[in-house]
Every structure is written in structure tokens, then in C-alpha cells.
């Protein structure tokens, strides 16, 4: 994923999957395309490493702040290679 949207949701009364779905809905409405990848801080997701929510693969990264979600689209290798070759 080269570009993404950073979303903050500090409502810890909701489960992490609900917060991710809310961010994904905003992303879809804003950019017209559903995200398929989301990075979260390990403390936000707990033991949910490798889970999937709303068609998105959820990965942890200490580069993302707690209660923040970095969503975007990871293109298949063939598409990414085609774009790089065209550039």
C-alpha cells in the first residue's frame, strides 16, 4: 500500500472490528473504493493479528499510533508492476 487514510477512533467502548468497519465506510464514501488493508497498533487490536474485517486484511504495526487505523488499497503484484513499468 503506497497511499492510505489515517483514521482516529478513541471510542474504546466499541470493539475494534466495529471501529474498523466505521473507518472503512468513511473511506469508501470519500474515495469511491473499498479499502482492503488496514494497519493498527498491536495494543489496539490485541490478539487480532491477521484477522479480517469487512473484506480488509488487518495487520499490526508499531508505526501506527494506538487507536488509529491506516486504511488503503493494496493492489495485486501484477497491477503494481504494470504501473511501475509505465512510469
PDB file of N, CA and C in Angstrom:
ATOM      1  N   UNK A   1       0.851  -1.164   0.000  1.00  0.00           N
ATOM      2  CA  UNK A   1       0.000   0.000   0.000  1.00  0.00           C
ATOM      3  C   UNK A   1       0.901   1.232   0.000  1.00  0.00           C
ATOM      4  N   UNK A   2       0.760   2.057  -1.018  1.00  0.00           N
ATOM      5  CA  UNK A   2       1.566   3.263  -1.139  1.00  0.00           C
ATOM      6  C   UNK A   2       0.911   4.468  -0.471  1.00  0.00           C
ATOM      7  N   UNK A   3      -0.408   4.564  -0.573  1.00  0.00           N
ATOM      8  CA  UNK A   3      -1.141   5.704  -0.040  1.00  0.00           C
ATOM      9  C   UNK A   3      -2.301   5.168   0.793  1.00  0.00           C
ATOM     10  N   UNK A   4      -2.597   5.847   1.888  1.00  0.00           N
ATOM     11  CA  UNK A   4      -3.705   5.409   2.722  1.00  0.00           C
ATOM     12  C   UNK A   4      -4.322   6.579   3.459  1.00  0.00           C
ATOM     13  N   UNK A   5      -5.345   6.285   4.210  1.00  0.00           N
ATOM     14  CA  UNK A   5      -6.038   7.283   5.013  1.00  0.00           C
ATOM     15  C   UNK A   5      -5.853   6.911   6.476  1.00  0.00           C
ATOM     16  N   UNK A   6      -5.456   7.882   7.286  1.00  0.00           N
ATOM     17  CA  UNK A   6      -5.300   7.654   8.709  1.00  0.00           C
ATOM     18  C   UNK A   6      -6.577   8.092   9.421  1.00  0.00           C
ATOM     19  N   UNK A   7      -7.116   7.206  10.242  1.00  0.00           N
ATOM     20  CA  UNK A   7      -8.379   7.444  10.923  1.00  0.00           C
ATOM     21  C   UNK A   7      -8.169   7.251  12.421  1.00  0.00           C
ATOM     22  N   UNK A   8      -8.683   8.170  13.233  1.00  0.00           N
ATOM     23  CA  UNK A   8      -8.619   8.031  14.685  1.00  0.00           C
ATOM     24  C   UNK A   8      -9.994   7.706  15.223  1.00  0.00           C
ATOM     25  N   UNK A   9     -10.068   6.711  16.093  1.00  0.00           N
ATOM     26  CA  UNK A   9     -11.314   6.376  16.771  1.00  0.00           C
ATOM     27  C   UNK A   9     -10.950   5.929  18.182  1.00  0.00           C
ATOM     28  N   UNK A  10     -11.074   6.821  19.136  1.00  0.00           N
ATOM     29  CA  UNK A  10     -10.700   6.534  20.511  1.00  0.00           C
ATOM     30  C   UNK A  10     -11.828   5.962  21.355  1.00  0.00           C
ATOM     31  N   UNK A  11     -12.935   5.573  20.722  1.00  0.00           N
ATOM     32  CA  UNK A  11     -14.087   5.030  21.446  1.00  0.00           C
ATOM     33  C   UNK A  11     -13.812   3.576  21.835  1.00  0.00           C
ATOM     34  N   UNK A  12     -13.124   3.388  22.949  1.00  0.00           N
ATOM     35  CA  UNK A  12     -12.747   2.026  23.351  1.00  0.00           C
ATOM     36  C   UNK A  12     -13.932   1.229  23.885  1.00  0.00           C
ATOM     37  N   UNK A  13     -15.114   1.838  24.004  1.00  0.00           N
ATOM     38  CA  UNK A  13     -16.295   1.076  24.415  1.00  0.00           C
ATOM     39  C   UNK A  13     -16.798   0.195  23.268  1.00  0.00           C
ATOM     40  N   UNK A  14     -16.401   0.516  22.035  1.00  0.00           N
ATOM     41  CA  UNK A  14     -16.771  -0.307  20.864  1.00  0.00           C
ATOM     42  C   UNK A  14     -15.644  -1.286  20.589  1.00  0.00           C
ATOM     43  N   UNK A  15     -15.980  -2.433  20.069  1.00  0.00           N
ATOM     44  CA  UNK A  15     -14.917  -3.384  19.741  1.00  0.00           C
ATOM     45  C   UNK A  15     -14.155  -2.897  18.510  1.00  0.00           C
ATOM     46  N   UNK A  16     -12.948  -3.382  18.359  1.00  0.00           N
ATOM     47  CA  UNK A  16     -12.059  -2.888  17.308  1.00  0.00           C
ATOM     48  C   UNK A  16     -12.638  -3.144  15.917  1.00  0.00           C
ATOM     49  N   UNK A  17     -13.326  -4.259  15.725  1.00  0.00           N
ATOM     50  CA  UNK A  17     -13.908  -4.564  14.411  1.00  0.00           C
ATOM     51  C   UNK A  17     -14.947  -3.521  14.021  1.00  0.00           C
ATOM     52  N   UNK A  18     -15.758  -3.078  14.973  1.00  0.00           N
ATOM     53  CA  UNK A  18     -16.775  -2.053  14.690  1.00  0.00           C
ATOM     54  C   UNK A  18     -16.114  -0.735  14.328  1.00  0.00           C
ATOM     55  N   UNK A  19     -15.033  -0.405  15.010  1.00  0.00           N
ATOM     56  CA  UNK A  19     -14.324   0.846  14.716  1.00  0.00           C
ATOM     57  C   UNK A  19     -13.670   0.784  13.339  1.00  0.00           C
ATOM     58  N   UNK A  20     -13.135  -0.373  12.978  1.00  0.00           N
ATOM     59  CA  UNK A  20     -12.526  -0.539  11.645  1.00  0.00           C
ATOM     60  C   UNK A  20     -13.591  -0.455  10.562  1.00  0.00           C
ATOM     61  N   UNK A  21     -14.741  -1.089  10.784  1.00  0.00           N
ATOM     62  CA  UNK A  21     -15.839  -1.018   9.797  1.00  0.00           C
ATOM     63  C   UNK A  21     -16.292   0.428   9.587  1.00  0.00           C
ATOM     64  N   UNK A  22     -16.353   1.198  10.670  1.00  0.00           N
ATOM     65  CA  UNK A  22     -16.744   2.612  10.570  1.00  0.00           C
ATOM     66  C   UNK A  22     -15.743   3.402   9.727  1.00  0.00           C
ATOM     67  N   UNK A  23     -14.462   3.160   9.949  1.00  0.00           N
ATOM     68  CA  UNK A  23     -13.419   3.826   9.164  1.00  0.00           C
ATOM     69  C   UNK A  23     -13.501   3.399   7.699  1.00  0.00           C
ATOM     70  N   UNK A  24     -13.739   2.128   7.459  1.00  0.00           N
ATOM     71  CA  UNK A  24     -13.830   1.613   6.081  1.00  0.00           C
ATOM     72  C   UNK A  24     -15.012   2.221   5.344  1.00  0.00           C
ATOM     73  N   UNK A  25     -16.124   2.400   6.045  1.00  0.00           N
ATOM     74  CA  UNK A  25     -17.295   3.018   5.419  1.00  0.00           C
ATOM     75  C   UNK A  25     -16.993   4.463   5.015  1.00  0.00           C
ATOM     76  N   UNK A  26     -16.319   5.213   5.884  1.00  0.00           N
ATOM     77  CA  UNK A  26     -15.938   6.581   5.559  1.00  0.00           C
ATOM     78  C   UNK A  26     -15.002   6.597   4.348  1.00  0.00           C
ATOM     79  N   UNK A  27     -14.013   5.707   4.337  1.00  0.00           N
ATOM     80  CA  UNK A  27     -13.059   5.612   3.227  1.00  0.00           C
ATOM     81  C   UNK A  27     -13.804   5.346   1.912  1.00  0.00           C
ATOM     82  N   UNK A  28     -14.712   4.375   1.942  1.00  0.00           N
ATOM     83  CA  UNK A  28     -15.468   4.001   0.745  1.00  0.00           C
ATOM     84  C   UNK A  28     -16.295   5.178   0.233  1.00  0.00           C
ATOM     85  N   UNK A  29     -16.941   5.909   1.138  1.00  0.00           N
ATOM     86  CA  UNK A  29     -17.746   7.073   0.737  1.00  0.00           C
ATOM     87  C   UNK A  29     -16.880   8.202   0.197  1.00  0.00           C
ATOM     88  N   UNK A  30     -15.716   8.409   0.793  1.00  0.00           N
ATOM     89  CA  UNK A  30     -14.842   9.514   0.379  1.00  0.00           C
ATOM     90  C   UNK A  30     -14.110   9.227  -0.922  1.00  0.00           C
ATOM     91  N   UNK A  31     -13.586   8.005  -1.072  1.00  0.00           N
ATOM     92  CA  UNK A  31     -12.731   7.688  -2.220  1.00  0.00           C
ATOM     93  C   UNK A  31     -13.406   6.826  -3.287  1.00  0.00           C
ATOM     94  N   UNK A  32     -14.616   6.350  -3.027  1.00  0.00           N
ATOM     95  CA  UNK A  32     -15.343   5.569  -4.024  1.00  0.00           C
ATOM     96  C   UNK A  32     -14.793   4.175  -4.249  1.00  0.00           C
ATOM     97  N   UNK A  33     -13.990   3.712  -3.336  1.00  0.00           N
ATOM     98  CA  UNK A  33     -13.378   2.388  -3.458  1.00  0.00           C
ATOM     99  C   UNK A  33     -13.199   1.814  -2.051  1.00  0.00           C
ATOM    100  N   UNK A  34     -13.487   0.550  -1.903  1.00  0.00           N
ATOM    101  CA  UNK A  34     -13.370  -0.066  -0.584  1.00  0.00           C
ATOM    102  C   UNK A  34     -11.905  -0.397  -0.283  1.00  0.00           C
ATOM    103  N   UNK A  35     -11.455  -0.109   0.926  1.00  0.00           N
ATOM    104  CA  UNK A  35     -10.090  -0.473   1.292  1.00  0.00           C
ATOM    105  C   UNK A  35      -9.989  -1.986   1.490  1.00  0.00           C
ATOM    106  N   UNK A  36      -8.798  -2.538   1.285  1.00  0.00           N
ATOM    107  CA  UNK A  36      -8.621  -3.976   1.513  1.00  0.00           C
ATOM    108  C   UNK A  36      -7.491  -4.275   2.501  1.00  0.00           C
ATOM    109  N   UNK A  37      -6.901  -3.223   3.071  1.00  0.00           N
ATOM    110  CA  UNK A  37      -5.810  -3.406   4.015  1.00  0.00           C
ATOM    111  C   UNK A  37      -5.904  -2.347   5.102  1.00  0.00           C
ATOM    112  N   UNK A  38      -5.651  -2.748   6.343  1.00  0.00           N
ATOM    113  CA  UNK A  38      -5.704  -1.822   7.465  1.00  0.00           C
ATOM    114  C   UNK A  38      -4.584  -2.165   8.439  1.00  0.00           C
ATOM    115  N   UNK A  39      -3.782  -1.158   8.782  1.00  0.00           N
ATOM    116  CA  UNK A  39      -2.732  -1.315   9.781  1.00  0.00           C
ATOM    117  C   UNK A  39      -3.210  -0.677  11.075  1.00  0.00           C
ATOM    118  N   UNK A  40      -2.981  -1.359  12.200  1.00  0.00           N
ATOM    119  CA  UNK A  40      -3.343  -0.846  13.517  1.00  0.00           C
ATOM    120  C   UNK A  40      -2.197  -1.122  14.488  1.00  0.00           C
ATOM    121  N   UNK A  41      -2.154  -0.367  15.571  1.00  0.00           N
ATOM    122  CA  UNK A  41      -1.156  -0.604  16.607  1.00  0.00           C
ATOM    123  C   UNK A  41      -1.490  -1.929  17.310  1.00  0.00           C
ATOM    124  N   UNK A  42      -0.486  -2.716  17.669  1.00  0.00           N
ATOM    125  CA  UNK A  42      -0.746  -4.005  18.328  1.00  0.00           C
ATOM    126  C   UNK A  42      -1.616  -3.891  19.582  1.00  0.00           C
ATOM    127  N   UNK A  43      -1.477  -2.818  20.354  1.00  0.00           N
ATOM    128  CA  UNK A  43      -2.285  -2.665  21.570  1.00  0.00           C
ATOM    129  C   UNK A  43      -3.747  -2.359  21.256  1.00  0.00           C
ATOM    130  N   UNK A  44      -4.021  -1.811  20.089  1.00  0.00           N
ATOM    131  CA  UNK A  44      -5.403  -1.521  19.704  1.00  0.00           C
ATOM    132  C   UNK A  44      -6.141  -2.798  19.347  1.00  0.00           C
ATOM    133  N   UNK A  45      -5.480  -3.671  18.620  1.00  0.00           N
ATOM    134  CA  UNK A  45      -6.134  -4.881  18.120  1.00  0.00           C
ATOM    135  C   UNK A  45      -5.986  -6.067  19.071  1.00  0.00           C
ATOM    136  N   UNK A  46      -5.074  -6.003  20.009  1.00  0.00           N
ATOM    137  CA  UNK A  46      -4.882  -7.111  20.938  1.00  0.00           C
ATOM    138  C   UNK A  46      -4.369  -8.343  20.231  1.00  0.00           C
ATOM    139  N   UNK A  47      -5.080  -9.439  20.360  1.00  0.00           N
ATOM    140  CA  UNK A  47      -4.635 -10.688  19.726  1.00  0.00           C
ATOM    141  C   UNK A  47      -5.296 -10.910  18.366  1.00  0.00           C
ATOM    142  N   UNK A  48      -5.749  -9.851  17.719  1.00  0.00           N
ATOM    143  CA  UNK A  48      -6.431  -9.961  16.436  1.00  0.00           C
ATOM    144  C   UNK A  48      -5.518  -9.896  15.227  1.00  0.00           C
ATOM    145  N   UNK A  49      -4.205 -10.052  15.410  1.00  0.00           N
ATOM    146  CA  UNK A  49      -3.251 -10.028  14.284  1.00  0.00           C
ATOM    147  C   UNK A  49      -3.683 -11.032  13.227  1.00  0.00           C
ATOM    148  N   UNK A  50      -3.723 -10.586  11.996  1.00  0.00           N
ATOM    149  CA  UNK A  50      -4.067 -11.466  10.885  1.00  0.00           C
ATOM    150  C   UNK A  50      -5.562 -11.653  10.683  1.00  0.00           C
ATOM    151  N   UNK A  51      -6.387 -10.954  11.442  1.00  0.00           N
ATOM    152  CA  UNK A  51      -7.829 -11.096  11.261  1.00  0.00           C
ATOM    153  C   UNK A  51      -8.287 -10.353  10.022  1.00  0.00           C
ATOM    154  N   UNK A  52      -9.530 -10.565   9.667  1.00  0.00           N
ATOM    155  CA  UNK A  52     -10.118  -9.882   8.515  1.00  0.00           C
ATOM    156  C   UNK A  52     -11.421  -9.227   8.964  1.00  0.00           C
ATOM    157  N   UNK A  53     -11.614  -7.981   8.553  1.00  0.00           N
ATOM    158  CA  UNK A  53     -12.824  -7.231   8.899  1.00  0.00           C
ATOM    159  C   UNK A  53     -13.317  -6.540   7.640  1.00  0.00           C
ATOM    160  N   UNK A  54     -14.571  -6.734   7.310  1.00  0.00           N
ATOM    161  CA  UNK A  54     -15.199  -6.059   6.163  1.00  0.00           C
ATOM    162  C   UNK A  54     -14.367  -6.198   4.892  1.00  0.00           C
ATOM    163  N   UNK A  55     -13.808  -7.380   4.666  1.00  0.00           N
ATOM    164  CA  UNK A  55     -13.022  -7.628   3.466  1.00  0.00           C
ATOM    165  C   UNK A  55     -11.621  -7.051   3.496  1.00  0.00           C
ATOM    166  N   UNK A  56     -11.197  -6.559   4.662  1.00  0.00           N
ATOM    167  CA  UNK A  56      -9.850  -5.986   4.804  1.00  0.00           C
ATOM    168  C   UNK A  56      -8.966  -6.920   5.623  1.00  0.00           C
ATOM    169  N   UNK A  57      -7.736  -7.052   5.183  1.00  0.00           N
ATOM    170  CA  UNK A  57      -6.742  -7.762   5.974  1.00  0.00           C
ATOM    171  C   UNK A  57      -6.238  -6.786   7.021  1.00  0.00           C
ATOM    172  N   UNK A  58      -6.192  -7.216   8.281  1.00  0.00           N
ATOM    173  CA  UNK A  58      -5.766  -6.361   9.390  1.00  0.00           C
ATOM    174  C   UNK A  58      -4.375  -6.796   9.831  1.00  0.00           C
ATOM    175  N   UNK A  59      -3.438  -5.860   9.780  1.00  0.00           N
ATOM    176  CA  UNK A  59      -2.073  -6.124  10.205  1.00  0.00           C
ATOM    177  C   UNK A  59      -1.689  -5.130  11.289  1.00  0.00           C
ATOM    178  N   UNK A  60      -0.753  -5.523  12.144  1.00  0.00           N
ATOM    179  CA  UNK A  60      -0.312  -4.612  13.190  1.00  0.00           C
ATOM    180  C   UNK A  60       1.008  -3.969  12.815  1.00  0.00           C
ATOM    181  N   UNK A  61       1.186  -2.759  13.311  1.00  0.00           N
ATOM    182  CA  UNK A  61       2.420  -2.014  13.098  1.00  0.00           C
ATOM    183  C   UNK A  61       2.601  -1.039  14.252  1.00  0.00           C
ATOM    184  N   UNK A  62       3.794  -1.027  14.827  1.00  0.00           N
ATOM    185  CA  UNK A  62       4.063  -0.066  15.894  1.00  0.00           C
ATOM    186  C   UNK A  62       4.240   1.342  15.333  1.00  0.00           C
ATOM    187  N   UNK A  63       4.289   1.486  14.021  1.00  0.00           N
ATOM    188  CA  UNK A  63       4.374   2.803  13.381  1.00  0.00           C
ATOM    189  C   UNK A  63       3.042   3.552  13.426  1.00  0.00           C
ATOM    190  N   UNK A  64       1.964   2.818  13.653  1.00  0.00           N
ATOM    191  CA  UNK A  64       0.637   3.431  13.745  1.00  0.00           C
ATOM    192  C   UNK A  64       0.333   3.660  15.223  1.00  0.00           C
ATOM    193  N   UNK A  65      -0.124   4.856  15.561  1.00  0.00           N
ATOM    194  CA  UNK A  65      -0.441   5.174  16.948  1.00  0.00           C
ATOM    195  C   UNK A  65      -1.637   4.371  17.445  1.00  0.00           C
ATOM    196  N   UNK A  66      -1.696   4.162  18.756  1.00  0.00           N
ATOM    197  CA  UNK A  66      -2.810   3.455  19.371  1.00  0.00           C
ATOM    198  C   UNK A  66      -4.120   4.181  19.028  1.00  0.00           C
ATOM    199  N   UNK A  67      -5.148   3.395  18.751  1.00  0.00           N
ATOM    200  CA  UNK A  67      -6.491   3.881  18.395  1.00  0.00           C
ATOM    201  C   UNK A  67      -6.545   4.606  17.047  1.00  0.00           C
ATOM    202  N   UNK A  68      -5.526   4.442  16.221  1.00  0.00           N
ATOM    203  CA  UNK A  68      -5.513   4.962  14.853  1.00  0.00           C
ATOM    204  C   UNK A  68      -5.571   3.775  13.889  1.00  0.00           C
ATOM    205  N   UNK A  69      -6.141   4.009  12.731  1.00  0.00           N
ATOM    206  CA  UNK A  69      -6.284   2.977  11.706  1.00  0.00           C
ATOM    207  C   UNK A  69      -5.792   3.554  10.391  1.00  0.00           C
ATOM    208  N   UNK A  70      -4.863   2.869   9.756  1.00  0.00           N
ATOM    209  CA  UNK A  70      -4.325   3.308   8.471  1.00  0.00           C
ATOM    210  C   UNK A  70      -4.899   2.372   7.422  1.00  0.00           C
ATOM    211  N   UNK A  71      -5.858   2.872   6.643  1.00  0.00           N
ATOM    212  CA  UNK A  71      -6.569   2.076   5.650  1.00  0.00           C
ATOM    213  C   UNK A  71      -6.159   2.457   4.242  1.00  0.00           C
ATOM    214  N   UNK A  72      -6.228   1.502   3.353  1.00  0.00           N
ATOM    215  CA  UNK A  72      -5.943   1.782   1.959  1.00  0.00           C
ATOM    216  C   UNK A  72      -6.156   0.550   1.104  1.00  0.00           C
ATOM    217  N   UNK A  73      -5.684   0.651  -0.119  1.00  0.00           N
ATOM    218  CA  UNK A  73      -5.837  -0.438  -1.087  1.00  0.00           C
ATOM    219  C   UNK A  73      -4.462  -0.974  -1.450  1.00  0.00           C
ATOM    220  N   UNK A  74      -4.295  -2.255  -1.246  1.00  0.00           N
ATOM    221  CA  UNK A  74      -3.077  -2.919  -1.694  1.00  0.00           C
ATOM    222  C   UNK A  74      -3.416  -3.617  -3.008  1.00  0.00           C
ATOM    223  N   UNK A  75      -2.780  -3.151  -4.060  1.00  0.00           N
ATOM    224  CA  UNK A  75      -3.057  -3.712  -5.376  1.00  0.00           C
ATOM    225  C   UNK A  75      -2.312  -5.029  -5.553  1.00  0.00           C
ATOM    226  N   UNK A  76      -2.861  -5.935  -6.358  1.00  0.00           N
ATOM    227  CA  UNK A  76      -2.147  -7.174  -6.662  1.00  0.00           C
ATOM    228  C   UNK A  76      -0.798  -6.869  -7.311  1.00  0.00           C
ATOM    229  N   UNK A  77       0.163  -7.746  -7.141  1.00  0.00           N
ATOM    230  CA  UNK A  77       1.523  -7.538  -7.672  1.00  0.00           C
ATOM    231  C   UNK A  77       1.525  -7.203  -9.158  1.00  0.00           C
ATOM    232  N   UNK A  78       0.713  -7.875  -9.954  1.00  0.00           N
ATOM    233  CA  UNK A  78       0.733  -7.644 -11.398  1.00  0.00           C
ATOM    234  C   UNK A  78       0.335  -6.200 -11.739  1.00  0.00           C
ATOM    235  N   UNK A  79      -0.666  -5.659 -11.054  1.00  0.00           N
ATOM    236  CA  UNK A  79      -1.077  -4.274 -11.308  1.00  0.00           C
ATOM    237  C   UNK A  79       0.004  -3.294 -10.875  1.00  0.00           C
ATOM    238  N   UNK A  80       0.604  -3.541  -9.736  1.00  0.00           N
ATOM    239  CA  UNK A  80       1.660  -2.659  -9.238  1.00  0.00           C
ATOM    240  C   UNK A  80       2.869  -2.671 -10.169  1.00  0.00           C
ATOM    241  N   UNK A  81       3.219  -3.830 -10.692  1.00  0.00           N
ATOM    242  CA  UNK A  81       4.340  -3.938 -11.622  1.00  0.00           C
ATOM    243  C   UNK A  81       4.031  -3.223 -12.937  1.00  0.00           C
ATOM    244  N   UNK A  82       2.792  -3.326 -13.407  1.00  0.00           N
ATOM    245  CA  UNK A  82       2.390  -2.655 -14.642  1.00  0.00           C
ATOM    246  C   UNK A  82       2.491  -1.137 -14.494  1.00  0.00           C
ATOM    247  N   UNK A  83       2.067  -0.620 -13.356  1.00  0.00           N
ATOM    248  CA  UNK A  83       2.139   0.822 -13.112  1.00  0.00           C
ATOM    249  C   UNK A  83       3.597   1.288 -13.038  1.00  0.00           C
ATOM    250  N   UNK A  84       4.434   0.507 -12.398  1.00  0.00           N
ATOM    251  CA  UNK A  84       5.845   0.875 -12.278  1.00  0.00           C
ATOM    252  C   UNK A  84       6.523   0.867 -13.650  1.00  0.00           C
ATOM    253  N   UNK A  85       6.168  -0.079 -14.492  1.00  0.00           N
ATOM    254  CA  UNK A  85       6.743  -0.171 -15.824  1.00  0.00           C
ATOM    255  C   UNK A  85       6.290   0.988 -16.698  1.00  0.00           C
ATOM    256  N   UNK A  86       5.053   1.437 -16.501  1.00  0.00           N
ATOM    257  CA  UNK A  86       4.509   2.528 -17.311  1.00  0.00           C
ATOM    258  C   UNK A  86       5.097   3.891 -16.908  1.00  0.00           C
ATOM    259  N   UNK A  87       5.586   3.977 -15.706  1.00  0.00           N
ATOM    260  CA  UNK A  87       6.087   5.263 -15.199  1.00  0.00           C
ATOM    261  C   UNK A  87       7.451   5.627 -15.709  1.00  0.00           C
TER     262      UNK A  87
END
